[in-house]
Amino acid sequence: MLSIRDCLDYCDLTDEEVELIAEHEGIPDVAAAQVACGLVQTPEGVLLITNYMLDLIERADEEGDQAKADRARSLCAQFMADHPLPH
């Protein structure tokens, strides 16, 4: 049986990235790690994860939670740098 750490190590996602996916989807971190591991393997999946993060940034901005928005922006920028989409 794979642990959440095994999934994260396999798909090269950070704990924080998985937490954002879990928050966006309203699912536990373990489930988010499993979903993300599949998504991050395709350009469409990387785009979907990026959109999840952008949604969370927008939500945090709308709610006036600047610290959360800044954290999500930082994580999104790092995710996009680590997982560039082909042009």
PDB file of N, CA and C in Angstrom:
ATOM      1  N   MET A   1       0.839  -1.177   0.000  1.00  0.00           N
ATOM      2  CA  MET A   1       0.000   0.000   0.000  1.00  0.00           C
ATOM      3  C   MET A   1       0.885   1.242   0.000  1.00  0.00           C
ATOM      4  N   LEU A   2       0.543   2.199  -0.857  1.00  0.00           N
ATOM      5  CA  LEU A   2       1.311   3.429  -0.955  1.00  0.00           C
ATOM      6  C   LEU A   2       0.869   4.426   0.114  1.00  0.00           C
ATOM      7  N   SER A   3       1.826   5.130   0.659  1.00  0.00           N
ATOM      8  CA  SER A   3       1.518   6.195   1.609  1.00  0.00           C
ATOM      9  C   SER A   3       1.374   7.503   0.838  1.00  0.00           C
ATOM     10  N   ILE A   4       0.886   8.527   1.509  1.00  0.00           N
ATOM     11  CA  ILE A   4       0.793   9.837   0.869  1.00  0.00           C
ATOM     12  C   ILE A   4       2.181  10.328   0.468  1.00  0.00           C
ATOM     13  N   ARG A   5       3.189  10.031   1.282  1.00  0.00           N
ATOM     14  CA  ARG A   5       4.566  10.431   0.963  1.00  0.00           C
ATOM     15  C   ARG A   5       5.031   9.744  -0.312  1.00  0.00           C
ATOM     16  N   ASP A   6       4.707   8.455  -0.474  1.00  0.00           N
ATOM     17  CA  ASP A   6       5.072   7.739  -1.703  1.00  0.00           C
ATOM     18  C   ASP A   6       4.456   8.415  -2.920  1.00  0.00           C
ATOM     19  N   CYS A   7       3.174   8.779  -2.817  1.00  0.00           N
ATOM     20  CA  CYS A   7       2.497   9.447  -3.927  1.00  0.00           C
ATOM     21  C   CYS A   7       3.150  10.781  -4.248  1.00  0.00           C
ATOM     22  N   LEU A   8       3.433  11.550  -3.210  1.00  0.00           N
ATOM     23  CA  LEU A   8       4.035  12.865  -3.425  1.00  0.00           C
ATOM     24  C   LEU A   8       5.425  12.750  -4.035  1.00  0.00           C
ATOM     25  N   ASP A   9       6.202  11.811  -3.554  1.00  0.00           N
ATOM     26  CA  ASP A   9       7.541  11.615  -4.099  1.00  0.00           C
ATOM     27  C   ASP A   9       7.489  11.156  -5.555  1.00  0.00           C
ATOM     28  N   TYR A  10       6.523  10.315  -5.869  1.00  0.00           N
ATOM     29  CA  TYR A  10       6.391   9.781  -7.223  1.00  0.00           C
ATOM     30  C   TYR A  10       6.008  10.870  -8.225  1.00  0.00           C
ATOM     31  N   CYS A  11       5.094  11.741  -7.833  1.00  0.00           N
ATOM     32  CA  CYS A  11       4.573  12.711  -8.799  1.00  0.00           C
ATOM     33  C   CYS A  11       5.191  14.090  -8.660  1.00  0.00           C
ATOM     34  N   ASP A  12       6.130  14.257  -7.753  1.00  0.00           N
ATOM     35  CA  ASP A  12       6.870  15.506  -7.622  1.00  0.00           C
ATOM     36  C   ASP A  12       5.971  16.689  -7.268  1.00  0.00           C
ATOM     37  N   LEU A  13       5.053  16.477  -6.336  1.00  0.00           N
ATOM     38  CA  LEU A  13       4.233  17.558  -5.810  1.00  0.00           C
ATOM     39  C   LEU A  13       4.628  17.823  -4.367  1.00  0.00           C
ATOM     40  N   THR A  14       4.440  19.058  -3.947  1.00  0.00           N
ATOM     41  CA  THR A  14       4.730  19.395  -2.557  1.00  0.00           C
ATOM     42  C   THR A  14       3.487  19.159  -1.701  1.00  0.00           C
ATOM     43  N   ASP A  15       3.715  19.062  -0.406  1.00  0.00           N
ATOM     44  CA  ASP A  15       2.595  18.928   0.528  1.00  0.00           C
ATOM     45  C   ASP A  15       1.629  20.101   0.368  1.00  0.00           C
ATOM     46  N   GLU A  16       2.179  21.293   0.198  1.00  0.00           N
ATOM     47  CA  GLU A  16       1.362  22.500   0.088  1.00  0.00           C
ATOM     48  C   GLU A  16       0.514  22.489  -1.179  1.00  0.00           C
ATOM     49  N   GLU A  17       1.070  22.008  -2.286  1.00  0.00           N
ATOM     50  CA  GLU A  17       0.297  21.916  -3.527  1.00  0.00           C
ATOM     51  C   GLU A  17      -0.872  20.953  -3.350  1.00  0.00           C
ATOM     52  N   VAL A  18      -0.608  19.842  -2.706  1.00  0.00           N
ATOM     53  CA  VAL A  18      -1.672  18.856  -2.466  1.00  0.00           C
ATOM     54  C   VAL A  18      -2.732  19.444  -1.532  1.00  0.00           C
ATOM     55  N   GLU A  19      -2.307  20.206  -0.539  1.00  0.00           N
ATOM     56  CA  GLU A  19      -3.264  20.839   0.364  1.00  0.00           C
ATOM     57  C   GLU A  19      -4.190  21.785  -0.389  1.00  0.00           C
ATOM     58  N   LEU A  20      -3.652  22.536  -1.347  1.00  0.00           N
ATOM     59  CA  LEU A  20      -4.494  23.429  -2.137  1.00  0.00           C
ATOM     60  C   LEU A  20      -5.497  22.658  -2.980  1.00  0.00           C
ATOM     61  N   ILE A  21      -5.055  21.556  -3.562  1.00  0.00           N
ATOM     62  CA  ILE A  21      -5.961  20.720  -4.361  1.00  0.00           C
ATOM     63  C   ILE A  21      -7.050  20.147  -3.459  1.00  0.00           C
ATOM     64  N   ALA A  22      -6.660  19.673  -2.289  1.00  0.00           N
ATOM     65  CA  ALA A  22      -7.630  19.129  -1.338  1.00  0.00           C
ATOM     66  C   ALA A  22      -8.647  20.200  -0.944  1.00  0.00           C
ATOM     67  N   GLU A  23      -8.173  21.398  -0.685  1.00  0.00           N
ATOM     68  CA  GLU A  23      -9.076  22.489  -0.319  1.00  0.00           C
ATOM     69  C   GLU A  23     -10.028  22.812  -1.455  1.00  0.00           C
ATOM     70  N   HIS A  24      -9.503  22.915  -2.664  1.00  0.00           N
ATOM     71  CA  HIS A  24     -10.338  23.250  -3.815  1.00  0.00           C
ATOM     72  C   HIS A  24     -11.422  22.210  -4.039  1.00  0.00           C
ATOM     73  N   GLU A  25     -11.049  20.946  -3.925  1.00  0.00           N
ATOM     74  CA  GLU A  25     -11.982  19.862  -4.209  1.00  0.00           C
ATOM     75  C   GLU A  25     -12.785  19.420  -2.994  1.00  0.00           C
ATOM     76  N   GLY A  26     -12.408  19.904  -1.809  1.00  0.00           N
ATOM     77  CA  GLY A  26     -13.116  19.520  -0.597  1.00  0.00           C
ATOM     78  C   GLY A  26     -12.947  18.050  -0.256  1.00  0.00           C
ATOM     79  N   ILE A  27     -11.720  17.553  -0.453  1.00  0.00           N
ATOM     80  CA  ILE A  27     -11.422  16.142  -0.189  1.00  0.00           C
ATOM     81  C   ILE A  27     -10.210  16.051   0.743  1.00  0.00           C
ATOM     82  N   PRO A  28     -10.017  14.899   1.390  1.00  0.00           N
ATOM     83  CA  PRO A  28      -8.841  14.732   2.258  1.00  0.00           C
ATOM     84  C   PRO A  28      -7.540  14.806   1.455  1.00  0.00           C
ATOM     85  N   ASP A  29      -6.458  15.156   2.145  1.00  0.00           N
ATOM     86  CA  ASP A  29      -5.152  15.271   1.501  1.00  0.00           C
ATOM     87  C   ASP A  29      -4.736  13.974   0.794  1.00  0.00           C
ATOM     88  N   VAL A  30      -5.017  12.837   1.416  1.00  0.00           N
ATOM     89  CA  VAL A  30      -4.626  11.551   0.814  1.00  0.00           C
ATOM     90  C   VAL A  30      -5.321  11.369  -0.532  1.00  0.00           C
ATOM     91  N   ALA A  31      -6.600  11.679  -0.595  1.00  0.00           N
ATOM     92  CA  ALA A  31      -7.339  11.561  -1.858  1.00  0.00           C
ATOM     93  C   ALA A  31      -6.813  12.578  -2.872  1.00  0.00           C
ATOM     94  N   ALA A  32      -6.526  13.788  -2.401  1.00  0.00           N
ATOM     95  CA  ALA A  32      -5.988  14.815  -3.298  1.00  0.00           C
ATOM     96  C   ALA A  32      -4.642  14.395  -3.877  1.00  0.00           C
ATOM     97  N   ALA A  33      -3.815  13.751  -3.069  1.00  0.00           N
ATOM     98  CA  ALA A  33      -2.516  13.279  -3.553  1.00  0.00           C
ATOM     99  C   ALA A  33      -2.700  12.246  -4.651  1.00  0.00           C
ATOM    100  N   GLN A  34      -3.652  11.355  -4.475  1.00  0.00           N
ATOM    101  CA  GLN A  34      -3.897  10.326  -5.482  1.00  0.00           C
ATOM    102  C   GLN A  34      -4.411  10.947  -6.781  1.00  0.00           C
ATOM    103  N   VAL A  35      -5.343  11.868  -6.657  1.00  0.00           N
ATOM    104  CA  VAL A  35      -5.884  12.553  -7.840  1.00  0.00           C
ATOM    105  C   VAL A  35      -4.780  13.338  -8.533  1.00  0.00           C
ATOM    106  N   ALA A  36      -4.024  14.096  -7.755  1.00  0.00           N
ATOM    107  CA  ALA A  36      -2.980  14.949  -8.321  1.00  0.00           C
ATOM    108  C   ALA A  36      -1.900  14.147  -9.020  1.00  0.00           C
ATOM    109  N   CYS A  37      -1.568  12.982  -8.468  1.00  0.00           N
ATOM    110  CA  CYS A  37      -0.538  12.146  -9.100  1.00  0.00           C
ATOM    111  C   CYS A  37      -0.953  11.744 -10.508  1.00  0.00           C
ATOM    112  N   GLY A  38      -2.221  11.495 -10.705  1.00  0.00           N
ATOM    113  CA  GLY A  38      -2.710  11.177 -12.045  1.00  0.00           C
ATOM    114  C   GLY A  38      -2.751  12.406 -12.928  1.00  0.00           C
ATOM    115  N   LEU A  39      -3.235  13.512 -12.379  1.00  0.00           N
ATOM    116  CA  LEU A  39      -3.387  14.727 -13.176  1.00  0.00           C
ATOM    117  C   LEU A  39      -2.056  15.289 -13.651  1.00  0.00           C
ATOM    118  N   VAL A  40      -1.060  15.255 -12.788  1.00  0.00           N
ATOM    119  CA  VAL A  40       0.209  15.911 -13.101  1.00  0.00           C
ATOM    120  C   VAL A  40       0.965  15.205 -14.239  1.00  0.00           C
ATOM    121  N   GLN A  41       0.494  14.062 -14.656  1.00  0.00           N
ATOM    122  CA  GLN A  41       1.173  13.307 -15.709  1.00  0.00           C
ATOM    123  C   GLN A  41       0.752  13.713 -17.125  1.00  0.00           C
ATOM    124  N   THR A  42      -0.252  14.589 -17.239  1.00  0.00           N
ATOM    125  CA  THR A  42      -0.690  15.027 -18.563  1.00  0.00           C
ATOM    126  C   THR A  42      -0.752  16.554 -18.614  1.00  0.00           C
ATOM    127  N   PRO A  43      -0.576  17.138 -19.787  1.00  0.00           N
ATOM    128  CA  PRO A  43      -0.696  18.595 -19.895  1.00  0.00           C
ATOM    129  C   PRO A  43      -2.084  19.088 -19.466  1.00  0.00           C
ATOM    130  N   GLU A  44      -3.115  18.325 -19.802  1.00  0.00           N
ATOM    131  CA  GLU A  44      -4.468  18.708 -19.413  1.00  0.00           C
ATOM    132  C   GLU A  44      -4.630  18.708 -17.889  1.00  0.00           C
ATOM    133  N   GLY A  45      -4.022  17.719 -17.249  1.00  0.00           N
ATOM    134  CA  GLY A  45      -4.075  17.632 -15.799  1.00  0.00           C
ATOM    135  C   GLY A  45      -3.313  18.758 -15.125  1.00  0.00           C
ATOM    136  N   VAL A  46      -2.153  19.100 -15.670  1.00  0.00           N
ATOM    137  CA  VAL A  46      -1.364  20.214 -15.131  1.00  0.00           C
ATOM    138  C   VAL A  46      -2.166  21.504 -15.261  1.00  0.00           C
ATOM    139  N   LEU A  47      -2.838  21.683 -16.386  1.00  0.00           N
ATOM    140  CA  LEU A  47      -3.669  22.871 -16.580  1.00  0.00           C
ATOM    141  C   LEU A  47      -4.818  22.882 -15.573  1.00  0.00           C
ATOM    142  N   LEU A  48      -5.419  21.742 -15.323  1.00  0.00           N
ATOM    143  CA  LEU A  48      -6.511  21.657 -14.356  1.00  0.00           C
ATOM    144  C   LEU A  48      -6.030  22.016 -12.955  1.00  0.00           C
ATOM    145  N   ILE A  49      -4.883  21.483 -12.546  1.00  0.00           N
ATOM    146  CA  ILE A  49      -4.331  21.813 -11.228  1.00  0.00           C
ATOM    147  C   ILE A  49      -4.038  23.313 -11.152  1.00  0.00           C
ATOM    148  N   THR A  50      -3.471  23.865 -12.207  1.00  0.00           N
ATOM    149  CA  THR A  50      -3.199  25.311 -12.240  1.00  0.00           C
ATOM    150  C   THR A  50      -4.496  26.092 -12.069  1.00  0.00           C
ATOM    151  N   ASN A  51      -5.543  25.663 -12.756  1.00  0.00           N
ATOM    152  CA  ASN A  51      -6.832  26.342 -12.637  1.00  0.00           C
ATOM    153  C   ASN A  51      -7.411  26.222 -11.234  1.00  0.00           C
ATOM    154  N   TYR A  52      -7.216  25.077 -10.581  1.00  0.00           N
ATOM    155  CA  TYR A  52      -7.644  24.930  -9.180  1.00  0.00           C
ATOM    156  C   TYR A  52      -6.971  26.004  -8.330  1.00  0.00           C
ATOM    157  N   MET A  53      -5.673  26.147  -8.531  1.00  0.00           N
ATOM    158  CA  MET A  53      -4.918  27.115  -7.739  1.00  0.00           C
ATOM    159  C   MET A  53      -5.369  28.540  -8.035  1.00  0.00           C
ATOM    160  N   LEU A  54      -5.608  28.852  -9.300  1.00  0.00           N
ATOM    161  CA  LEU A  54      -6.080  30.186  -9.667  1.00  0.00           C
ATOM    162  C   LEU A  54      -7.459  30.460  -9.066  1.00  0.00           C
ATOM    163  N   ASP A  55      -8.316  29.442  -9.024  1.00  0.00           N
ATOM    164  CA  ASP A  55      -9.632  29.584  -8.389  1.00  0.00           C
ATOM    165  C   ASP A  55      -9.481  29.936  -6.916  1.00  0.00           C
ATOM    166  N   LEU A  56      -8.564  29.259  -6.234  1.00  0.00           N
ATOM    167  CA  LEU A  56      -8.354  29.524  -4.810  1.00  0.00           C
ATOM    168  C   LEU A  56      -7.806  30.934  -4.575  1.00  0.00           C
ATOM    169  N   ILE A  57      -6.946  31.391  -5.474  1.00  0.00           N
ATOM    170  CA  ILE A  57      -6.428  32.762  -5.373  1.00  0.00           C
ATOM    171  C   ILE A  57      -7.584  33.749  -5.506  1.00  0.00           C
ATOM    172  N   GLU A  58      -8.424  33.523  -6.499  1.00  0.00           N
ATOM    173  CA  GLU A  58      -9.563  34.413  -6.727  1.00  0.00           C
ATOM    174  C   GLU A  58     -10.510  34.416  -5.523  1.00  0.00           C
ATOM    175  N   ARG A  59     -10.793  33.235  -4.992  1.00  0.00           N
ATOM    176  CA  ARG A  59     -11.667  33.123  -3.820  1.00  0.00           C
ATOM    177  C   ARG A  59     -11.092  33.876  -2.618  1.00  0.00           C
ATOM    178  N   ALA A  60      -9.792  33.666  -2.384  1.00  0.00           N
ATOM    179  CA  ALA A  60      -9.146  34.339  -1.252  1.00  0.00           C
ATOM    180  C   ALA A  60      -9.172  35.856  -1.433  1.00  0.00           C
ATOM    181  N   ASP A  61      -8.943  36.314  -2.662  1.00  0.00           N
ATOM    182  CA  ASP A  61      -9.012  37.753  -2.939  1.00  0.00           C
ATOM    183  C   ASP A  61     -10.417  38.292  -2.673  1.00  0.00           C
ATOM    184  N   GLU A  62     -11.433  37.556  -3.133  1.00  0.00           N
ATOM    185  CA  GLU A  62     -12.820  37.980  -2.928  1.00  0.00           C
ATOM    186  C   GLU A  62     -13.182  38.027  -1.442  1.00  0.00           C
ATOM    187  N   GLU A  63     -12.623  37.102  -0.671  1.00  0.00           N
ATOM    188  CA  GLU A  63     -12.902  37.041   0.761  1.00  0.00           C
ATOM    189  C   GLU A  63     -12.041  38.019   1.557  1.00  0.00           C
ATOM    190  N   GLY A  64     -11.098  38.672   0.889  1.00  0.00           N
ATOM    191  CA  GLY A  64     -10.221  39.619   1.554  1.00  0.00           C
ATOM    192  C   GLY A  64      -9.127  38.967   2.385  1.00  0.00           C
ATOM    193  N   ASP A  65      -8.849  37.699   2.114  1.00  0.00           N
ATOM    194  CA  ASP A  65      -7.810  36.968   2.855  1.00  0.00           C
ATOM    195  C   ASP A  65      -6.498  37.074   2.074  1.00  0.00           C
ATOM    196  N   GLN A  66      -5.817  38.205   2.289  1.00  0.00           N
ATOM    197  CA  GLN A  66      -4.605  38.497   1.518  1.00  0.00           C
ATOM    198  C   GLN A  66      -3.493  37.491   1.769  1.00  0.00           C
ATOM    199  N   ALA A  67      -3.338  37.039   3.008  1.00  0.00           N
ATOM    200  CA  ALA A  67      -2.282  36.075   3.323  1.00  0.00           C
ATOM    201  C   ALA A  67      -2.520  34.769   2.567  1.00  0.00           C
ATOM    202  N   LYS A  68      -3.750  34.313   2.538  1.00  0.00           N
ATOM    203  CA  LYS A  68      -4.080  33.073   1.822  1.00  0.00           C
ATOM    204  C   LYS A  68      -3.880  33.255   0.314  1.00  0.00           C
ATOM    205  N   ALA A  69      -4.292  34.388  -0.208  1.00  0.00           N
ATOM    206  CA  ALA A  69      -4.124  34.662  -1.641  1.00  0.00           C
ATOM    207  C   ALA A  69      -2.645  34.707  -2.008  1.00  0.00           C
ATOM    208  N   ASP A  70      -1.849  35.366  -1.178  1.00  0.00           N
ATOM    209  CA  ASP A  70      -0.409  35.454  -1.454  1.00  0.00           C
ATOM    210  C   ASP A  70       0.245  34.073  -1.410  1.00  0.00           C
ATOM    211  N   ARG A  71      -0.139  33.258  -0.430  1.00  0.00           N
ATOM    212  CA  ARG A  71       0.408  31.900  -0.317  1.00  0.00           C
ATOM    213  C   ARG A  71       0.035  31.078  -1.553  1.00  0.00           C
ATOM    214  N   ALA A  72      -1.221  31.165  -1.966  1.00  0.00           N
ATOM    215  CA  ALA A  72      -1.672  30.420  -3.144  1.00  0.00           C
ATOM    216  C   ALA A  72      -0.969  30.922  -4.408  1.00  0.00           C
ATOM    217  N   ARG A  73      -0.768  32.223  -4.517  1.00  0.00           N
ATOM    218  CA  ARG A  73      -0.045  32.782  -5.676  1.00  0.00           C
ATOM    219  C   ARG A  73       1.374  32.224  -5.747  1.00  0.00           C
ATOM    220  N   SER A  74       2.020  32.213  -4.609  1.00  0.00           N
ATOM    221  CA  SER A  74       3.393  31.711  -4.547  1.00  0.00           C
ATOM    222  C   SER A  74       3.447  30.233  -4.940  1.00  0.00           C
ATOM    223  N   LEU A  75       2.543  29.443  -4.395  1.00  0.00           N
ATOM    224  CA  LEU A  75       2.513  28.017  -4.723  1.00  0.00           C
ATOM    225  C   LEU A  75       2.169  27.785  -6.188  1.00  0.00           C
ATOM    226  N   CYS A  76       1.247  28.573  -6.704  1.00  0.00           N
ATOM    227  CA  CYS A  76       0.869  28.441  -8.114  1.00  0.00           C
ATOM    228  C   CYS A  76       2.048  28.783  -9.019  1.00  0.00           C
ATOM    229  N   ALA A  77       2.759  29.844  -8.715  1.00  0.00           N
ATOM    230  CA  ALA A  77       3.924  30.232  -9.520  1.00  0.00           C
ATOM    231  C   ALA A  77       4.985  29.138  -9.497  1.00  0.00           C
ATOM    232  N   GLN A  78       5.224  28.558  -8.322  1.00  0.00           N
ATOM    233  CA  GLN A  78       6.217  27.491  -8.217  1.00  0.00           C
ATOM    234  C   GLN A  78       5.753  26.244  -8.971  1.00  0.00           C
ATOM    235  N   PHE A  79       4.469  25.916  -8.855  1.00  0.00           N
ATOM    236  CA  PHE A  79       3.924  24.757  -9.564  1.00  0.00           C
ATOM    237  C   PHE A  79       4.087  24.950 -11.073  1.00  0.00           C
ATOM    238  N   MET A  80       3.760  26.126 -11.562  1.00  0.00           N
ATOM    239  CA  MET A  80       3.869  26.397 -12.995  1.00  0.00           C
ATOM    240  C   MET A  80       5.323  26.337 -13.464  1.00  0.00           C
ATOM    241  N   ALA A  81       6.247  26.766 -12.618  1.00  0.00           N
ATOM    242  CA  ALA A  81       7.664  26.686 -12.977  1.00  0.00           C
ATOM    243  C   ALA A  81       8.150  25.242 -12.992  1.00  0.00           C
ATOM    244  N   ASP A  82       7.650  24.442 -12.050  1.00  0.00           N
ATOM    245  CA  ASP A  82       8.058  23.037 -11.961  1.00  0.00           C
ATOM    246  C   ASP A  82       7.383  22.154 -13.006  1.00  0.00           C
ATOM    247  N   HIS A  83       6.217  22.570 -13.468  1.00  0.00           N
ATOM    248  CA  HIS A  83       5.430  21.765 -14.408  1.00  0.00           C
ATOM    249  C   HIS A  83       4.964  22.634 -15.582  1.00  0.00           C
ATOM    250  N   PRO A  84       5.907  23.085 -16.398  1.00  0.00           N
ATOM    251  CA  PRO A  84       5.529  23.976 -17.516  1.00  0.00           C
ATOM    252  C   PRO A  84       4.689  23.246 -18.543  1.00  0.00           C
ATOM    253  N   LEU A  85       3.753  23.978 -19.092  1.00  0.00           N
ATOM    254  CA  LEU A  85       2.900  23.430 -20.140  1.00  0.00           C
ATOM    255  C   LEU A  85       3.571  23.623 -21.501  1.00  0.00           C
ATOM    256  N   PRO A  86       3.453  22.632 -22.380  1.00  0.00           N
ATOM    257  CA  PRO A  86       4.002  22.822 -23.726  1.00  0.00           C
ATOM    258  C   PRO A  86       3.198  23.874 -24.479  1.00  0.00           C
ATOM    259  N   HIS A  87       3.865  24.590 -25.341  1.00  0.00           N
ATOM    260  CA  HIS A  87       3.192  25.649 -26.108  1.00  0.00           C
ATOM    261  C   HIS A  87       2.795  25.148 -27.450  1.00  0.00           C
TER     262      HIS A  87
END
